Amino acid sequence: MHVLAGLQPANTGTFQWQGRTISEDTLTWWRQQCCYVPQMPIMGGEHLRQALLLPWQLQATTAPMPDDDTLQALLAKVKIMHGLDKPVSTLSGGEKQRVAIVRALLLNRPVWLMDEPTSALDPASRDTVMALLAKQSLTIVSVSHDPHWLACADQQHVMQGQGVDECTASVMGSGSE
């Protein structure tokens, strides 16, 4: 995930998006196309508002800065009803994961790179997040062990040892077990 996000160089090989090879020369463009949602999100501020607005401190953020009403509305969509002045140190792991997802939504980028996006979520929060993301026009590349998350994928690639196999949702299971 770090290589895809442009956070570290690949040891070998390349990857492309929209016909462009991602390299040092195209990295700024690529970072404007994607957002990275790590398994353990960095909040980057003392309060919820600061955590949500962290990307606007970075050069690659070109989206307009959202107002407080927009922040609150998106938080409500992931069932977070705290005020924007809530200290992030008091948030649970699942709340932090949902805040990171809201932050990604605010960026309005077409490609999301997600590392274990549902690992800290209870089933109700997971279902809320999955329903919200299903309504977006996104390309999501994720690493996950969650059968419910995997069941929603259009394509799945299973890594075992040194090999990668492509599977369909029916091979992986319906996510109901």
N, C-alpha and C. Protein backbone atom coordinates (compact mmCIF):
# COMPACT_ATOMS: atom_id res chain seq x y z
N MET A 1 0.82 -1.19 0.00
CA MET A 1 0.00 0.00 0.00
C MET A 1 0.87 1.25 0.00
N HIS A 2 1.96 1.23 0.73
CA HIS A 2 2.82 2.41 0.77
C HIS A 2 3.41 2.73 -0.59
N VAL A 3 3.73 1.70 -1.36
CA VAL A 3 4.25 1.93 -2.71
C VAL A 3 3.16 2.53 -3.59
N LEU A 4 1.97 1.96 -3.55
CA LEU A 4 0.86 2.49 -4.35
C LEU A 4 0.52 3.93 -3.97
N ALA A 5 0.64 4.25 -2.70
CA ALA A 5 0.33 5.60 -2.23
C ALA A 5 1.46 6.59 -2.53
N GLY A 6 2.58 6.09 -3.02
CA GLY A 6 3.70 6.97 -3.32
C GLY A 6 4.49 7.37 -2.09
N LEU A 7 4.36 6.60 -1.02
CA LEU A 7 5.06 6.91 0.22
C LEU A 7 6.44 6.27 0.29
N GLN A 8 6.66 5.25 -0.55
CA GLN A 8 7.98 4.64 -0.66
C GLN A 8 8.13 4.10 -2.07
N PRO A 9 9.37 4.08 -2.59
CA PRO A 9 9.57 3.60 -3.96
C PRO A 9 9.46 2.07 -4.03
N ALA A 10 9.07 1.59 -5.19
CA ALA A 10 9.01 0.14 -5.43
C ALA A 10 10.42 -0.40 -5.61
N ASN A 11 10.66 -1.60 -5.12
CA ASN A 11 11.95 -2.24 -5.35
C ASN A 11 12.08 -2.66 -6.81
N THR A 12 10.98 -3.15 -7.38
CA THR A 12 10.96 -3.54 -8.78
C THR A 12 9.59 -3.22 -9.35
N GLY A 13 9.50 -3.16 -10.66
CA GLY A 13 8.21 -3.00 -11.32
C GLY A 13 7.68 -1.58 -11.31
N THR A 14 6.54 -1.42 -11.99
CA THR A 14 5.87 -0.13 -12.08
C THR A 14 4.37 -0.35 -12.01
N PHE A 15 3.62 0.73 -11.88
CA PHE A 15 2.17 0.64 -12.02
C PHE A 15 1.68 1.88 -12.74
N GLN A 16 0.50 1.74 -13.34
CA GLN A 16 -0.07 2.81 -14.13
C GLN A 16 -1.49 3.12 -13.67
N TRP A 17 -1.90 4.36 -13.90
CA TRP A 17 -3.28 4.79 -13.70
C TRP A 17 -3.63 5.68 -14.88
N GLN A 18 -4.72 5.36 -15.54
CA GLN A 18 -5.20 6.10 -16.70
C GLN A 18 -4.11 6.26 -17.76
N GLY A 19 -3.37 5.18 -17.96
CA GLY A 19 -2.35 5.16 -19.00
C GLY A 19 -1.05 5.86 -18.63
N ARG A 20 -0.95 6.37 -17.44
CA ARG A 20 0.27 7.07 -17.02
C ARG A 20 1.03 6.21 -16.02
N THR A 21 2.30 5.99 -16.28
CA THR A 21 3.15 5.28 -15.34
C THR A 21 3.42 6.19 -14.15
N ILE A 22 3.21 5.66 -12.97
CA ILE A 22 3.44 6.45 -11.77
C ILE A 22 4.93 6.36 -11.43
N SER A 23 5.56 7.51 -11.43
CA SER A 23 6.99 7.61 -11.17
C SER A 23 7.24 8.89 -10.39
N GLU A 24 8.49 9.17 -10.13
CA GLU A 24 8.83 10.41 -9.42
C GLU A 24 8.31 11.63 -10.19
N ASP A 25 8.33 11.56 -11.51
CA ASP A 25 7.87 12.68 -12.35
C ASP A 25 6.36 12.89 -12.29
N THR A 26 5.59 11.83 -12.04
CA THR A 26 4.13 11.95 -12.03
C THR A 26 3.53 11.82 -10.63
N LEU A 27 4.39 11.79 -9.62
CA LEU A 27 3.93 11.55 -8.26
C LEU A 27 2.98 12.64 -7.75
N THR A 28 3.24 13.89 -8.06
CA THR A 28 2.34 14.97 -7.62
C THR A 28 0.96 14.76 -8.23
N TRP A 29 0.91 14.46 -9.52
CA TRP A 29 -0.37 14.20 -10.19
C TRP A 29 -1.07 13.01 -9.54
N TRP A 30 -0.34 11.92 -9.28
CA TRP A 30 -0.92 10.72 -8.69
C TRP A 30 -1.51 11.02 -7.31
N ARG A 31 -0.79 11.79 -6.52
CA ARG A 31 -1.28 12.11 -5.17
C ARG A 31 -2.55 12.97 -5.22
N GLN A 32 -2.80 13.62 -6.33
CA GLN A 32 -4.05 14.37 -6.50
C GLN A 32 -5.18 13.46 -6.98
N GLN A 33 -4.86 12.25 -7.37
CA GLN A 33 -5.85 11.27 -7.83
C GLN A 33 -6.28 10.32 -6.72
N CYS A 34 -5.42 10.13 -5.73
CA CYS A 34 -5.70 9.09 -4.74
C CYS A 34 -5.63 9.62 -3.31
N CYS A 35 -6.21 8.85 -2.43
CA CYS A 35 -6.04 9.11 -1.00
C CYS A 35 -5.76 7.77 -0.33
N TYR A 36 -5.02 7.83 0.73
CA TYR A 36 -4.61 6.64 1.46
C TYR A 36 -5.29 6.65 2.83
N VAL A 37 -6.00 5.58 3.14
CA VAL A 37 -6.66 5.42 4.43
C VAL A 37 -5.97 4.25 5.14
N PRO A 38 -5.05 4.55 6.06
CA PRO A 38 -4.32 3.48 6.73
C PRO A 38 -5.17 2.76 7.78
N GLN A 39 -4.71 1.59 8.17
CA GLN A 39 -5.42 0.83 9.20
C GLN A 39 -5.43 1.58 10.53
N MET A 40 -4.35 2.24 10.84
CA MET A 40 -4.23 3.02 12.08
C MET A 40 -4.13 4.49 11.67
N PRO A 41 -5.26 5.17 11.49
CA PRO A 41 -5.23 6.53 10.96
C PRO A 41 -4.51 7.52 11.88
N ILE A 42 -3.80 8.43 11.25
CA ILE A 42 -3.17 9.54 11.95
C ILE A 42 -4.20 10.66 12.02
N MET A 43 -4.49 11.13 13.21
CA MET A 43 -5.50 12.17 13.35
C MET A 43 -4.93 13.55 13.03
N GLY A 44 -3.71 13.84 13.44
CA GLY A 44 -3.06 15.07 13.02
C GLY A 44 -3.61 16.35 13.61
N GLY A 45 -4.22 16.28 14.75
CA GLY A 45 -4.72 17.48 15.40
C GLY A 45 -5.25 17.14 16.77
N GLU A 46 -5.49 18.16 17.56
CA GLU A 46 -6.02 17.93 18.90
C GLU A 46 -7.51 17.67 18.90
N HIS A 47 -8.22 18.29 17.96
CA HIS A 47 -9.67 18.22 17.93
C HIS A 47 -10.15 17.65 16.60
N LEU A 48 -11.38 17.22 16.60
CA LEU A 48 -11.98 16.58 15.43
C LEU A 48 -11.88 17.46 14.19
N ARG A 49 -12.18 18.74 14.30
CA ARG A 49 -12.10 19.65 13.15
C ARG A 49 -10.69 19.65 12.56
N GLN A 50 -9.67 19.75 13.41
CA GLN A 50 -8.28 19.76 12.94
C GLN A 50 -7.92 18.45 12.24
N ALA A 51 -8.40 17.35 12.80
CA ALA A 51 -8.12 16.04 12.20
C ALA A 51 -8.74 15.94 10.81
N LEU A 52 -9.97 16.41 10.68
CA LEU A 52 -10.65 16.34 9.38
C LEU A 52 -10.00 17.25 8.35
N LEU A 53 -9.46 18.37 8.79
CA LEU A 53 -8.88 19.35 7.87
C LEU A 53 -7.38 19.17 7.65
N LEU A 54 -6.79 18.11 8.22
CA LEU A 54 -5.36 17.85 8.06
C LEU A 54 -4.89 17.89 6.60
N PRO A 55 -5.61 17.30 5.65
CA PRO A 55 -5.12 17.31 4.26
C PRO A 55 -4.94 18.71 3.67
N TRP A 56 -5.63 19.68 4.21
CA TRP A 56 -5.52 21.03 3.67
C TRP A 56 -4.23 21.72 4.12
N GLN A 57 -3.44 21.02 4.91
CA GLN A 57 -2.11 21.49 5.28
C GLN A 57 -1.06 20.97 4.30
N LEU A 58 -1.48 20.11 3.37
CA LEU A 58 -0.55 19.46 2.45
C LEU A 58 -0.66 20.06 1.05
N GLN A 59 0.43 20.06 0.33
CA GLN A 59 0.51 20.66 -0.99
C GLN A 59 -0.39 19.97 -2.02
N ALA A 60 -0.60 18.68 -1.90
CA ALA A 60 -1.35 17.94 -2.92
C ALA A 60 -2.86 18.13 -2.81
N THR A 61 -3.34 18.81 -1.78
CA THR A 61 -4.78 18.98 -1.61
C THR A 61 -5.27 20.18 -2.40
N THR A 62 -6.11 19.89 -3.40
CA THR A 62 -6.63 20.96 -4.25
C THR A 62 -8.13 21.16 -4.06
N ALA A 63 -8.78 20.26 -3.34
CA ALA A 63 -10.22 20.39 -3.10
C ALA A 63 -10.48 21.62 -2.23
N PRO A 64 -11.63 22.27 -2.43
CA PRO A 64 -11.95 23.41 -1.57
C PRO A 64 -12.10 22.97 -0.11
N MET A 65 -11.65 23.82 0.81
CA MET A 65 -11.75 23.48 2.23
C MET A 65 -13.22 23.49 2.65
N PRO A 66 -13.68 22.41 3.26
CA PRO A 66 -15.09 22.32 3.65
C PRO A 66 -15.40 23.19 4.88
N ASP A 67 -16.65 23.60 4.97
CA ASP A 67 -17.08 24.37 6.14
C ASP A 67 -17.56 23.41 7.23
N ASP A 68 -17.84 23.96 8.40
CA ASP A 68 -18.25 23.13 9.54
C ASP A 68 -19.53 22.35 9.27
N ASP A 69 -20.48 22.94 8.55
CA ASP A 69 -21.73 22.23 8.25
C ASP A 69 -21.47 20.98 7.42
N THR A 70 -20.55 21.09 6.46
CA THR A 70 -20.19 19.94 5.62
C THR A 70 -19.52 18.86 6.47
N LEU A 71 -18.62 19.28 7.35
CA LEU A 71 -17.94 18.32 8.23
C LEU A 71 -18.94 17.57 9.09
N GLN A 72 -19.86 18.30 9.72
CA GLN A 72 -20.85 17.67 10.60
C GLN A 72 -21.77 16.73 9.82
N ALA A 73 -22.16 17.14 8.61
CA ALA A 73 -23.07 16.31 7.81
C ALA A 73 -22.40 14.99 7.44
N LEU A 74 -21.13 15.03 7.06
CA LEU A 74 -20.45 13.78 6.70
C LEU A 74 -20.19 12.92 7.94
N LEU A 75 -19.86 13.54 9.05
CA LEU A 75 -19.69 12.76 10.28
C LEU A 75 -20.99 12.04 10.64
N ALA A 76 -22.10 12.72 10.46
CA ALA A 76 -23.40 12.11 10.77
C ALA A 76 -23.67 10.90 9.87
N LYS A 77 -23.18 10.95 8.63
CA LYS A 77 -23.39 9.82 7.71
C LYS A 77 -22.68 8.56 8.17
N VAL A 78 -21.61 8.72 8.97
CA VAL A 78 -20.92 7.55 9.52
C VAL A 78 -21.22 7.39 11.01
N LYS A 79 -22.32 8.02 11.44
CA LYS A 79 -22.85 7.87 12.80
C LYS A 79 -21.91 8.39 13.88
N ILE A 80 -21.19 9.48 13.58
CA ILE A 80 -20.40 10.18 14.58
C ILE A 80 -21.11 11.49 14.86
N MET A 81 -21.60 11.64 16.08
CA MET A 81 -22.41 12.80 16.43
C MET A 81 -21.68 13.78 17.35
N HIS A 82 -20.38 13.63 17.51
CA HIS A 82 -19.60 14.52 18.36
C HIS A 82 -19.50 15.90 17.73
N GLY A 83 -19.28 16.90 18.57
CA GLY A 83 -18.99 18.24 18.08
C GLY A 83 -17.58 18.29 17.50
N LEU A 84 -17.32 19.28 16.68
CA LEU A 84 -16.03 19.40 16.01
C LEU A 84 -14.90 19.76 16.96
N ASP A 85 -15.23 20.18 18.17
CA ASP A 85 -14.20 20.50 19.16
C ASP A 85 -13.89 19.32 20.08
N LYS A 86 -14.43 18.16 19.77
CA LYS A 86 -14.18 16.94 20.56
C LYS A 86 -12.69 16.58 20.44
N PRO A 87 -11.99 16.36 21.57
CA PRO A 87 -10.59 15.95 21.50
C PRO A 87 -10.45 14.58 20.81
N VAL A 88 -9.56 14.48 19.85
CA VAL A 88 -9.40 13.20 19.14
C VAL A 88 -8.82 12.13 20.05
N SER A 89 -8.17 12.54 21.12
CA SER A 89 -7.60 11.56 22.05
C SER A 89 -8.69 10.75 22.75
N THR A 90 -9.93 11.22 22.71
CA THR A 90 -11.03 10.51 23.37
C THR A 90 -11.81 9.63 22.40
N LEU A 91 -11.43 9.62 21.13
CA LEU A 91 -12.14 8.80 20.13
C LEU A 91 -11.70 7.34 20.23
N SER A 92 -12.62 6.44 19.98
CA SER A 92 -12.29 5.01 19.93
C SER A 92 -11.57 4.72 18.62
N GLY A 93 -11.00 3.53 18.52
CA GLY A 93 -10.35 3.12 17.27
C GLY A 93 -11.30 3.12 16.09
N GLY A 94 -12.53 2.65 16.31
CA GLY A 94 -13.53 2.64 15.25
C GLY A 94 -13.93 4.04 14.83
N GLU A 95 -14.04 4.95 15.80
CA GLU A 95 -14.37 6.34 15.46
C GLU A 95 -13.24 6.97 14.65
N LYS A 96 -12.00 6.69 15.02
CA LYS A 96 -10.86 7.22 14.27
C LYS A 96 -10.87 6.69 12.84
N GLN A 97 -11.21 5.43 12.66
CA GLN A 97 -11.26 4.85 11.32
C GLN A 97 -12.36 5.53 10.50
N ARG A 98 -13.50 5.79 11.12
CA ARG A 98 -14.59 6.47 10.41
C ARG A 98 -14.24 7.92 10.11
N VAL A 99 -13.51 8.59 11.01
CA VAL A 99 -13.05 9.96 10.75
C VAL A 99 -12.11 9.96 9.54
N ALA A 100 -11.22 8.98 9.46
CA ALA A 100 -10.31 8.89 8.32
C ALA A 100 -11.09 8.69 7.02
N ILE A 101 -12.16 7.94 7.06
CA ILE A 101 -12.99 7.72 5.87
C ILE A 101 -13.72 9.01 5.49
N VAL A 102 -14.22 9.74 6.47
CA VAL A 102 -14.85 11.04 6.19
C VAL A 102 -13.82 11.99 5.57
N ARG A 103 -12.62 12.00 6.11
CA ARG A 103 -11.56 12.86 5.57
C ARG A 103 -11.29 12.51 4.11
N ALA A 104 -11.27 11.24 3.80
CA ALA A 104 -11.07 10.81 2.41
C ALA A 104 -12.22 11.27 1.53
N LEU A 105 -13.45 11.17 2.02
CA LEU A 105 -14.60 11.66 1.25
C LEU A 105 -14.48 13.15 0.95
N LEU A 106 -13.99 13.91 1.91
CA LEU A 106 -13.84 15.36 1.73
C LEU A 106 -12.86 15.70 0.61
N LEU A 107 -11.89 14.83 0.39
CA LEU A 107 -10.88 15.08 -0.64
C LEU A 107 -11.43 14.90 -2.05
N ASN A 108 -12.50 14.11 -2.17
CA ASN A 108 -13.16 13.91 -3.46
C ASN A 108 -12.19 13.41 -4.54
N ARG A 109 -11.44 12.37 -4.20
CA ARG A 109 -10.48 11.78 -5.14
C ARG A 109 -11.04 10.46 -5.66
N PRO A 110 -10.73 10.13 -6.92
CA PRO A 110 -11.35 8.95 -7.53
C PRO A 110 -10.77 7.61 -7.07
N VAL A 111 -9.57 7.59 -6.52
CA VAL A 111 -8.91 6.34 -6.14
C VAL A 111 -8.64 6.37 -4.64
N TRP A 112 -9.08 5.30 -3.97
CA TRP A 112 -8.81 5.16 -2.54
C TRP A 112 -7.95 3.93 -2.32
N LEU A 113 -6.92 4.08 -1.53
CA LEU A 113 -6.07 2.98 -1.10
C LEU A 113 -6.36 2.77 0.38
N MET A 114 -6.90 1.61 0.72
CA MET A 114 -7.38 1.39 2.09
C MET A 114 -6.74 0.13 2.67
N ASP A 115 -6.16 0.28 3.85
CA ASP A 115 -5.53 -0.83 4.54
C ASP A 115 -6.44 -1.28 5.68
N GLU A 116 -7.01 -2.45 5.56
CA GLU A 116 -7.91 -3.02 6.57
C GLU A 116 -8.97 -2.00 7.01
N PRO A 117 -9.78 -1.51 6.08
CA PRO A 117 -10.69 -0.40 6.38
C PRO A 117 -11.78 -0.69 7.40
N THR A 118 -12.06 -1.94 7.66
CA THR A 118 -13.13 -2.26 8.62
C THR A 118 -12.61 -2.93 9.89
N SER A 119 -11.30 -3.00 10.06
CA SER A 119 -10.72 -3.78 11.17
C SER A 119 -11.14 -3.29 12.55
N ALA A 120 -11.37 -2.00 12.73
CA ALA A 120 -11.74 -1.47 14.05
C ALA A 120 -13.23 -1.17 14.17
N LEU A 121 -14.00 -1.58 13.17
CA LEU A 121 -15.43 -1.24 13.15
C LEU A 121 -16.29 -2.39 13.67
N ASP A 122 -17.29 -2.04 14.46
CA ASP A 122 -18.28 -3.03 14.86
C ASP A 122 -19.17 -3.30 13.64
N PRO A 123 -19.96 -4.37 13.65
CA PRO A 123 -20.76 -4.71 12.46
C PRO A 123 -21.68 -3.58 11.99
N ALA A 124 -22.32 -2.85 12.89
CA ALA A 124 -23.22 -1.77 12.46
C ALA A 124 -22.44 -0.65 11.78
N SER A 125 -21.28 -0.28 12.34
CA SER A 125 -20.46 0.77 11.73
C SER A 125 -19.90 0.31 10.39
N ARG A 126 -19.48 -0.95 10.34
CA ARG A 126 -18.98 -1.51 9.08
C ARG A 126 -20.05 -1.42 8.00
N ASP A 127 -21.26 -1.82 8.32
CA ASP A 127 -22.35 -1.79 7.34
C ASP A 127 -22.67 -0.36 6.91
N THR A 128 -22.63 0.58 7.85
CA THR A 128 -22.87 2.00 7.53
C THR A 128 -21.82 2.51 6.56
N VAL A 129 -20.55 2.23 6.85
CA VAL A 129 -19.45 2.68 5.99
C VAL A 129 -19.55 2.03 4.62
N MET A 130 -19.82 0.73 4.58
CA MET A 130 -19.91 0.03 3.30
C MET A 130 -21.05 0.59 2.45
N ALA A 131 -22.18 0.88 3.07
CA ALA A 131 -23.32 1.44 2.33
C ALA A 131 -22.98 2.83 1.79
N LEU A 132 -22.30 3.63 2.60
CA LEU A 132 -21.91 4.98 2.16
C LEU A 132 -20.93 4.91 0.99
N LEU A 133 -19.93 4.06 1.08
CA LEU A 133 -18.93 3.96 0.02
C LEU A 133 -19.53 3.37 -1.26
N ALA A 134 -20.51 2.50 -1.12
CA ALA A 134 -21.15 1.90 -2.30
C ALA A 134 -21.87 2.96 -3.14
N LYS A 135 -22.23 4.07 -2.53
CA LYS A 135 -22.93 5.15 -3.25
C LYS A 135 -21.96 6.08 -3.98
N GLN A 136 -20.67 5.93 -3.73
CA GLN A 136 -19.67 6.81 -4.33
C GLN A 136 -19.16 6.20 -5.64
N SER A 137 -18.62 7.02 -6.50
CA SER A 137 -17.97 6.54 -7.72
C SER A 137 -16.47 6.47 -7.44
N LEU A 138 -16.04 5.34 -6.91
CA LEU A 138 -14.66 5.20 -6.47
C LEU A 138 -14.02 3.94 -7.03
N THR A 139 -12.73 4.02 -7.21
CA THR A 139 -11.91 2.83 -7.39
C THR A 139 -11.22 2.63 -6.05
N ILE A 140 -11.50 1.51 -5.41
CA ILE A 140 -10.91 1.23 -4.10
C ILE A 140 -9.98 0.03 -4.23
N VAL A 141 -8.74 0.24 -3.83
CA VAL A 141 -7.77 -0.85 -3.72
C VAL A 141 -7.56 -1.03 -2.23
N SER A 142 -7.84 -2.24 -1.75
CA SER A 142 -7.73 -2.43 -0.30
C SER A 142 -7.07 -3.76 0.03
N VAL A 143 -6.54 -3.79 1.23
CA VAL A 143 -6.06 -5.01 1.84
C VAL A 143 -7.06 -5.29 2.96
N SER A 144 -7.62 -6.49 2.98
CA SER A 144 -8.62 -6.80 3.99
C SER A 144 -8.70 -8.29 4.24
N HIS A 145 -9.06 -8.62 5.48
CA HIS A 145 -9.36 -9.99 5.86
C HIS A 145 -10.84 -10.14 6.21
N ASP A 146 -11.61 -9.07 6.04
CA ASP A 146 -13.02 -9.05 6.41
C ASP A 146 -13.87 -9.65 5.29
N PRO A 147 -14.50 -10.80 5.50
CA PRO A 147 -15.29 -11.43 4.44
C PRO A 147 -16.47 -10.56 3.98
N HIS A 148 -17.01 -9.74 4.85
CA HIS A 148 -18.12 -8.86 4.46
C HIS A 148 -17.63 -7.79 3.49
N TRP A 149 -16.49 -7.22 3.78
CA TRP A 149 -15.88 -6.22 2.89
C TRP A 149 -15.51 -6.87 1.56
N LEU A 150 -14.88 -8.02 1.61
CA LEU A 150 -14.45 -8.71 0.39
C LEU A 150 -15.63 -9.09 -0.49
N ALA A 151 -16.75 -9.43 0.11
CA ALA A 151 -17.92 -9.84 -0.66
C ALA A 151 -18.46 -8.71 -1.53
N CYS A 152 -18.15 -7.48 -1.18
CA CYS A 152 -18.63 -6.33 -1.95
C CYS A 152 -17.69 -5.95 -3.09
N ALA A 153 -16.54 -6.57 -3.16
CA ALA A 153 -15.54 -6.20 -4.17
C ALA A 153 -15.94 -6.70 -5.56
N ASP A 154 -15.68 -5.87 -6.56
CA ASP A 154 -15.88 -6.29 -7.94
C ASP A 154 -14.83 -7.30 -8.37
N GLN A 155 -13.61 -7.12 -7.88
CA GLN A 155 -12.51 -8.04 -8.17
C GLN A 155 -11.76 -8.30 -6.87
N GLN A 156 -11.23 -9.51 -6.76
CA GLN A 156 -10.43 -9.86 -5.60
C GLN A 156 -9.18 -10.57 -6.06
N HIS A 157 -8.08 -10.25 -5.42
CA HIS A 157 -6.81 -10.91 -5.69
C HIS A 157 -6.30 -11.43 -4.35
N VAL A 158 -6.03 -12.70 -4.29
CA VAL A 158 -5.61 -13.33 -3.05
C VAL A 158 -4.10 -13.55 -3.10
N MET A 159 -3.41 -13.05 -2.08
CA MET A 159 -1.96 -13.24 -2.01
C MET A 159 -1.66 -14.35 -1.01
N GLN A 160 -0.93 -15.34 -1.47
CA GLN A 160 -0.49 -16.43 -0.61
C GLN A 160 0.94 -16.74 -1.00
N GLY A 161 1.85 -16.58 -0.06
CA GLY A 161 3.25 -16.80 -0.38
C GLY A 161 3.71 -15.76 -1.39
N GLN A 162 4.29 -16.22 -2.48
CA GLN A 162 4.80 -15.31 -3.51
C GLN A 162 3.82 -15.10 -4.65
N GLY A 163 2.71 -15.84 -4.66
CA GLY A 163 1.79 -15.77 -5.79
C GLY A 163 0.56 -14.92 -5.51
N VAL A 164 -0.08 -14.50 -6.59
CA VAL A 164 -1.33 -13.75 -6.51
C VAL A 164 -2.33 -14.43 -7.42
N ASP A 165 -3.48 -14.77 -6.88
CA ASP A 165 -4.56 -15.38 -7.66
C ASP A 165 -5.75 -14.44 -7.69
N GLU A 166 -6.41 -14.36 -8.85
CA GLU A 166 -7.64 -13.57 -8.95
C GLU A 166 -8.81 -14.49 -8.64
N CYS A 167 -9.74 -13.99 -7.84
CA CYS A 167 -10.92 -14.77 -7.46
C CYS A 167 -12.16 -13.93 -7.67
N THR A 168 -13.27 -14.61 -7.76
CA THR A 168 -14.55 -13.91 -7.80
C THR A 168 -15.16 -13.95 -6.40
N ALA A 169 -16.16 -13.13 -6.18
CA ALA A 169 -16.81 -13.09 -4.87
C ALA A 169 -17.38 -14.45 -4.49
N SER A 170 -17.87 -15.21 -5.46
CA SER A 170 -18.46 -16.51 -5.14
C SER A 170 -17.40 -17.50 -4.65
N VAL A 171 -16.16 -17.35 -5.12
CA VAL A 171 -15.08 -18.21 -4.65
C VAL A 171 -14.69 -17.83 -3.23
N MET A 172 -14.69 -16.52 -2.94
CA MET A 172 -14.27 -16.04 -1.63
C MET A 172 -15.33 -16.27 -0.56
N GLY A 173 -16.56 -16.37 -0.93
CA GLY A 173 -17.65 -16.50 0.03
C GLY A 173 -18.53 -15.26 0.00
N SER A 174 -19.70 -15.40 0.49
CA SER A 174 -20.67 -14.31 0.42
C SER A 174 -20.49 -13.29 1.52
N GLY A 175 -19.64 -13.54 2.48
CA GLY A 175 -19.48 -12.62 3.60
C GLY A 175 -20.49 -12.88 4.70
N SER A 176 -21.33 -13.88 4.55
CA SER A 176 -22.36 -14.14 5.55
C SER A 176 -21.93 -15.17 6.59
N GLU A 177 -20.77 -15.79 6.39
CA GLU A 177 -20.37 -16.79 7.36
C GLU A 177 -19.68 -16.16 8.54
